[in-house]
N, C-alpha and C. Protein backbone atom coordinates (compact mmCIF):
# COMPACT_ATOMS: atom_id res chain seq x y z
N MET A 1 0.82 -1.20 0.00
CA MET A 1 0.00 0.00 0.00
C MET A 1 0.87 1.26 0.00
N LYS A 2 1.92 1.24 0.84
CA LYS A 2 2.80 2.39 0.92
C LYS A 2 3.49 2.62 -0.42
N ARG A 3 3.86 1.54 -1.10
CA ARG A 3 4.53 1.64 -2.40
C ARG A 3 3.59 2.29 -3.43
N ILE A 4 2.32 1.92 -3.39
CA ILE A 4 1.34 2.50 -4.32
C ILE A 4 1.19 4.00 -4.07
N LEU A 5 1.15 4.40 -2.82
CA LEU A 5 1.03 5.82 -2.49
C LEU A 5 2.26 6.60 -2.95
N ILE A 6 3.43 6.01 -2.83
CA ILE A 6 4.65 6.69 -3.28
C ILE A 6 4.64 6.85 -4.79
N ILE A 7 4.26 5.79 -5.50
CA ILE A 7 4.19 5.85 -6.97
C ILE A 7 3.16 6.88 -7.40
N LEU A 8 2.00 6.88 -6.77
CA LEU A 8 0.95 7.85 -7.09
C LEU A 8 1.43 9.27 -6.81
N SER A 9 2.12 9.48 -5.72
CA SER A 9 2.64 10.80 -5.37
C SER A 9 3.65 11.28 -6.41
N ILE A 10 4.53 10.39 -6.85
CA ILE A 10 5.52 10.74 -7.88
C ILE A 10 4.82 11.09 -9.18
N PHE A 11 3.80 10.31 -9.56
CA PHE A 11 3.07 10.56 -10.80
C PHE A 11 2.37 11.92 -10.76
N ILE A 12 1.71 12.21 -9.67
CA ILE A 12 0.99 13.49 -9.55
C ILE A 12 1.98 14.65 -9.57
N THR A 13 3.09 14.53 -8.87
CA THR A 13 4.10 15.58 -8.85
C THR A 13 4.66 15.82 -10.24
N ALA A 14 4.95 14.74 -10.97
CA ALA A 14 5.49 14.87 -12.33
C ALA A 14 4.47 15.51 -13.26
N THR A 15 3.22 15.12 -13.12
CA THR A 15 2.17 15.69 -13.96
C THR A 15 2.01 17.18 -13.70
N LEU A 16 1.97 17.57 -12.44
CA LEU A 16 1.83 18.99 -12.10
C LEU A 16 3.06 19.78 -12.53
N ALA A 17 4.23 19.20 -12.42
CA ALA A 17 5.45 19.89 -12.82
C ALA A 17 5.47 20.13 -14.33
N SER A 18 4.84 19.22 -15.09
CA SER A 18 4.84 19.39 -16.55
C SER A 18 4.00 20.61 -16.96
N TYR A 19 3.06 21.01 -16.11
CA TYR A 19 2.23 22.18 -16.42
C TYR A 19 2.79 23.47 -15.86
N ALA A 20 3.68 23.39 -14.90
CA ALA A 20 4.19 24.58 -14.23
C ALA A 20 4.93 25.47 -15.22
N GLY A 21 4.53 26.72 -15.25
CA GLY A 21 5.20 27.69 -16.08
C GLY A 21 4.85 27.63 -17.56
N GLU A 22 4.04 26.68 -17.98
CA GLU A 22 3.68 26.61 -19.39
C GLU A 22 2.56 27.58 -19.70
N SER A 23 2.69 28.28 -20.77
CA SER A 23 1.63 29.14 -21.24
C SER A 23 1.15 28.57 -22.56
N ARG A 24 -0.04 28.06 -22.56
CA ARG A 24 -0.57 27.44 -23.76
C ARG A 24 -1.43 28.46 -24.50
N PRO A 25 -1.02 28.83 -25.71
CA PRO A 25 -1.77 29.86 -26.44
C PRO A 25 -3.01 29.32 -27.12
N TRP A 26 -4.05 30.11 -27.12
CA TRP A 26 -5.25 29.81 -27.88
C TRP A 26 -5.00 30.28 -29.31
N GLU A 27 -5.52 29.55 -30.28
CA GLU A 27 -5.34 29.94 -31.67
C GLU A 27 -6.68 29.91 -32.39
N ASP A 28 -6.77 30.68 -33.47
CA ASP A 28 -7.97 30.69 -34.28
C ASP A 28 -8.15 29.31 -34.93
N ALA A 29 -9.40 28.92 -35.11
CA ALA A 29 -9.68 27.61 -35.71
C ALA A 29 -11.04 27.64 -36.36
N SER A 30 -11.28 26.67 -37.20
CA SER A 30 -12.63 26.48 -37.73
C SER A 30 -13.30 25.40 -36.89
N ARG A 31 -14.60 25.36 -36.91
CA ARG A 31 -15.32 24.37 -36.13
C ARG A 31 -14.98 22.96 -36.61
N PRO A 32 -14.77 22.04 -35.69
CA PRO A 32 -14.51 20.65 -36.11
C PRO A 32 -15.80 20.02 -36.63
N ASN A 33 -15.66 19.13 -37.61
CA ASN A 33 -16.83 18.48 -38.21
C ASN A 33 -17.51 17.52 -37.24
N GLU A 34 -16.70 16.71 -36.58
CA GLU A 34 -17.23 15.74 -35.63
C GLU A 34 -16.58 16.00 -34.28
N SER A 35 -17.23 15.55 -33.23
CA SER A 35 -16.63 15.75 -31.92
C SER A 35 -16.93 14.59 -31.01
N ARG A 36 -16.03 14.37 -30.06
CA ARG A 36 -16.26 13.36 -29.04
C ARG A 36 -17.20 13.88 -27.98
N GLU A 37 -17.05 15.13 -27.65
CA GLU A 37 -17.84 15.74 -26.59
C GLU A 37 -18.21 17.14 -27.03
N GLN A 38 -19.48 17.45 -26.99
CA GLN A 38 -19.91 18.78 -27.42
C GLN A 38 -20.91 19.31 -26.41
N ILE A 39 -20.68 20.52 -25.95
CA ILE A 39 -21.54 21.14 -24.94
C ILE A 39 -22.02 22.47 -25.49
N ARG A 40 -23.30 22.67 -25.50
CA ARG A 40 -23.86 23.97 -25.87
C ARG A 40 -24.44 24.56 -24.61
N ASP A 41 -24.08 25.81 -24.36
CA ASP A 41 -24.55 26.45 -23.14
C ASP A 41 -24.71 27.93 -23.39
N GLY A 42 -25.45 28.59 -22.54
CA GLY A 42 -25.67 30.02 -22.70
C GLY A 42 -24.83 30.82 -21.73
N ILE A 43 -24.27 31.90 -22.22
CA ILE A 43 -23.58 32.86 -21.36
C ILE A 43 -24.29 34.18 -21.56
N ASP A 44 -24.94 34.65 -20.52
CA ASP A 44 -25.68 35.91 -20.59
C ASP A 44 -26.61 35.94 -21.80
N GLY A 45 -27.31 34.83 -22.06
CA GLY A 45 -28.28 34.78 -23.14
C GLY A 45 -27.69 34.49 -24.51
N GLU A 46 -26.38 34.34 -24.61
CA GLU A 46 -25.77 34.06 -25.90
C GLU A 46 -25.26 32.62 -25.93
N GLU A 47 -25.25 32.04 -27.09
CA GLU A 47 -24.86 30.65 -27.27
C GLU A 47 -23.34 30.49 -27.24
N MET A 48 -22.88 29.40 -26.60
CA MET A 48 -21.47 29.05 -26.60
C MET A 48 -21.37 27.55 -26.85
N GLU A 49 -20.33 27.15 -27.57
CA GLU A 49 -20.15 25.74 -27.88
C GLU A 49 -18.74 25.32 -27.48
N ILE A 50 -18.65 24.23 -26.71
CA ILE A 50 -17.37 23.67 -26.30
C ILE A 50 -17.28 22.29 -26.93
N THR A 51 -16.19 22.06 -27.68
CA THR A 51 -16.01 20.79 -28.37
C THR A 51 -14.64 20.23 -28.03
N VAL A 52 -14.57 18.94 -27.76
CA VAL A 52 -13.31 18.27 -27.48
C VAL A 52 -13.09 17.21 -28.55
N ARG A 53 -11.91 17.28 -29.21
CA ARG A 53 -11.62 16.32 -30.28
C ARG A 53 -10.12 16.16 -30.45
N ASP A 54 -9.63 14.92 -30.37
CA ASP A 54 -8.24 14.59 -30.63
C ASP A 54 -7.24 15.44 -29.85
N GLY A 55 -7.51 15.69 -28.58
CA GLY A 55 -6.60 16.47 -27.76
C GLY A 55 -6.76 17.97 -27.87
N TRP A 56 -7.66 18.43 -28.71
CA TRP A 56 -7.92 19.86 -28.89
C TRP A 56 -9.23 20.23 -28.20
N VAL A 57 -9.25 21.39 -27.58
CA VAL A 57 -10.47 21.94 -26.99
C VAL A 57 -10.85 23.14 -27.83
N TYR A 58 -12.03 23.12 -28.42
CA TYR A 58 -12.54 24.21 -29.26
C TYR A 58 -13.61 24.95 -28.47
N VAL A 59 -13.55 26.27 -28.49
CA VAL A 59 -14.59 27.10 -27.86
C VAL A 59 -15.08 28.07 -28.92
N THR A 60 -16.38 28.01 -29.18
CA THR A 60 -17.01 28.93 -30.13
C THR A 60 -17.96 29.82 -29.34
N THR A 61 -17.77 31.12 -29.47
CA THR A 61 -18.58 32.07 -28.72
C THR A 61 -18.90 33.27 -29.60
N GLN A 62 -19.95 33.99 -29.24
CA GLN A 62 -20.37 35.14 -30.01
C GLN A 62 -19.89 36.46 -29.40
N LYS A 63 -19.26 36.37 -28.23
CA LYS A 63 -18.74 37.58 -27.60
C LYS A 63 -17.47 37.23 -26.84
N PRO A 64 -16.64 38.22 -26.49
CA PRO A 64 -15.41 37.93 -25.75
C PRO A 64 -15.74 37.25 -24.42
N VAL A 65 -14.95 36.23 -24.08
CA VAL A 65 -15.18 35.50 -22.84
C VAL A 65 -13.83 35.05 -22.29
N THR A 66 -13.70 35.09 -20.95
CA THR A 66 -12.50 34.60 -20.30
C THR A 66 -12.63 33.10 -20.10
N VAL A 67 -11.65 32.35 -20.62
CA VAL A 67 -11.66 30.89 -20.53
C VAL A 67 -10.48 30.45 -19.66
N LYS A 68 -10.77 29.61 -18.69
CA LYS A 68 -9.73 29.04 -17.83
C LYS A 68 -9.86 27.53 -17.88
N ILE A 69 -8.70 26.85 -17.94
CA ILE A 69 -8.69 25.40 -17.90
C ILE A 69 -7.83 24.98 -16.71
N PHE A 70 -8.38 24.09 -15.89
CA PHE A 70 -7.71 23.60 -14.69
C PHE A 70 -7.54 22.09 -14.79
N THR A 71 -6.50 21.56 -14.11
CA THR A 71 -6.40 20.11 -13.96
C THR A 71 -7.48 19.70 -12.97
N ILE A 72 -7.73 18.40 -12.88
CA ILE A 72 -8.74 17.92 -11.94
C ILE A 72 -8.33 18.21 -10.49
N LEU A 73 -7.04 18.45 -10.28
CA LEU A 73 -6.54 18.79 -8.94
C LEU A 73 -6.61 20.29 -8.65
N GLY A 74 -7.05 21.07 -9.65
CA GLY A 74 -7.25 22.50 -9.44
C GLY A 74 -6.13 23.40 -9.89
N GLN A 75 -5.09 22.85 -10.51
CA GLN A 75 -3.98 23.71 -10.98
C GLN A 75 -4.36 24.35 -12.31
N LEU A 76 -4.17 25.66 -12.39
CA LEU A 76 -4.50 26.42 -13.60
C LEU A 76 -3.53 26.08 -14.72
N ILE A 77 -4.06 25.70 -15.88
CA ILE A 77 -3.25 25.41 -17.06
C ILE A 77 -3.17 26.65 -17.94
N THR A 78 -4.32 27.27 -18.19
CA THR A 78 -4.34 28.47 -19.03
C THR A 78 -5.51 29.36 -18.62
N SER A 79 -5.32 30.64 -18.81
CA SER A 79 -6.37 31.62 -18.58
C SER A 79 -6.20 32.72 -19.62
N GLU A 80 -7.22 32.91 -20.43
CA GLU A 80 -7.13 33.91 -21.48
C GLU A 80 -8.53 34.39 -21.86
N THR A 81 -8.63 35.65 -22.21
CA THR A 81 -9.88 36.19 -22.75
C THR A 81 -9.81 36.03 -24.26
N ILE A 82 -10.75 35.25 -24.79
CA ILE A 82 -10.75 34.99 -26.23
C ILE A 82 -11.80 35.85 -26.91
N ARG A 83 -11.51 36.19 -28.16
CA ARG A 83 -12.42 37.01 -28.97
C ARG A 83 -13.54 36.15 -29.54
N PRO A 84 -14.59 36.78 -30.06
CA PRO A 84 -15.68 36.02 -30.69
C PRO A 84 -15.16 35.16 -31.84
N GLY A 85 -15.82 34.04 -32.05
CA GLY A 85 -15.42 33.11 -33.10
C GLY A 85 -15.05 31.78 -32.49
N THR A 86 -14.30 30.97 -33.24
CA THR A 86 -13.87 29.67 -32.77
C THR A 86 -12.38 29.71 -32.48
N LYS A 87 -12.01 29.35 -31.27
CA LYS A 87 -10.61 29.27 -30.84
C LYS A 87 -10.34 27.85 -30.36
N ARG A 88 -9.06 27.44 -30.42
CA ARG A 88 -8.72 26.12 -29.94
C ARG A 88 -7.40 26.14 -29.19
N ILE A 89 -7.24 25.14 -28.32
CA ILE A 89 -6.01 24.96 -27.57
C ILE A 89 -5.74 23.47 -27.49
N HIS A 90 -4.47 23.10 -27.59
CA HIS A 90 -4.10 21.69 -27.53
C HIS A 90 -3.70 21.32 -26.11
N ILE A 91 -4.28 20.25 -25.61
CA ILE A 91 -3.93 19.70 -24.29
C ILE A 91 -3.22 18.38 -24.55
N SER A 92 -1.94 18.31 -24.24
CA SER A 92 -1.14 17.15 -24.61
C SER A 92 -1.35 15.94 -23.71
N SER A 93 -1.71 16.14 -22.46
CA SER A 93 -1.89 15.02 -21.53
C SER A 93 -3.35 14.62 -21.44
N ARG A 94 -3.58 13.32 -21.59
CA ARG A 94 -4.95 12.82 -21.46
C ARG A 94 -5.40 12.91 -20.02
N GLY A 95 -6.69 13.11 -19.81
CA GLY A 95 -7.21 13.18 -18.47
C GLY A 95 -8.50 13.97 -18.40
N ILE A 96 -8.89 14.27 -17.18
CA ILE A 96 -10.11 15.03 -16.93
C ILE A 96 -9.70 16.44 -16.51
N TYR A 97 -10.33 17.43 -17.11
CA TYR A 97 -10.02 18.83 -16.85
C TYR A 97 -11.30 19.59 -16.53
N ILE A 98 -11.14 20.74 -15.92
CA ILE A 98 -12.26 21.63 -15.64
C ILE A 98 -12.09 22.86 -16.52
N LEU A 99 -13.10 23.19 -17.31
CA LEU A 99 -13.07 24.37 -18.17
C LEU A 99 -14.10 25.35 -17.64
N ARG A 100 -13.66 26.58 -17.43
CA ARG A 100 -14.57 27.64 -17.00
C ARG A 100 -14.53 28.74 -18.04
N ALA A 101 -15.68 29.01 -18.64
CA ALA A 101 -15.81 30.04 -19.66
C ALA A 101 -16.93 30.98 -19.21
N GLY A 102 -16.54 32.17 -18.80
CA GLY A 102 -17.53 33.12 -18.27
C GLY A 102 -18.14 32.54 -17.01
N THR A 103 -19.45 32.34 -17.03
CA THR A 103 -20.16 31.80 -15.88
C THR A 103 -20.38 30.30 -15.98
N VAL A 104 -19.93 29.68 -17.06
CA VAL A 104 -20.15 28.26 -17.30
C VAL A 104 -18.92 27.45 -16.86
N THR A 105 -19.14 26.41 -16.07
CA THR A 105 -18.05 25.52 -15.66
C THR A 105 -18.43 24.11 -16.09
N ARG A 106 -17.52 23.44 -16.82
CA ARG A 106 -17.79 22.10 -17.33
C ARG A 106 -16.57 21.20 -17.15
N ARG A 107 -16.84 19.91 -16.97
CA ARG A 107 -15.79 18.90 -16.95
C ARG A 107 -15.58 18.43 -18.37
N ILE A 108 -14.32 18.37 -18.79
CA ILE A 108 -14.02 17.86 -20.14
C ILE A 108 -13.03 16.72 -20.01
N THR A 109 -13.11 15.78 -20.94
CA THR A 109 -12.23 14.61 -20.92
C THR A 109 -11.42 14.60 -22.21
N ILE A 110 -10.13 14.53 -22.08
CA ILE A 110 -9.23 14.47 -23.24
C ILE A 110 -8.82 13.02 -23.42
């Protein structure tokens, strides 16, 4: 049991260290044709679409919105205010993340 906890601790530390200091830029993109996970939600009465596909997170919005992505442990990966349109960011590590866009908070799986 102690060995499992040590291995788990090393894994979590290594994973968190891989995100430390990284600034992941959002880039312009076109909407993906198909998606593994798609969420449509309203922000202040306007439509927003979150799509996850092949390690990319796409956010389509009609107005500027601040988007933050956290690890499941709560460490901030990126925080940026994106312009209207479709933007995407690549998440290299598979796992479960928390995405907060404006007032909307969603769990996403890469």
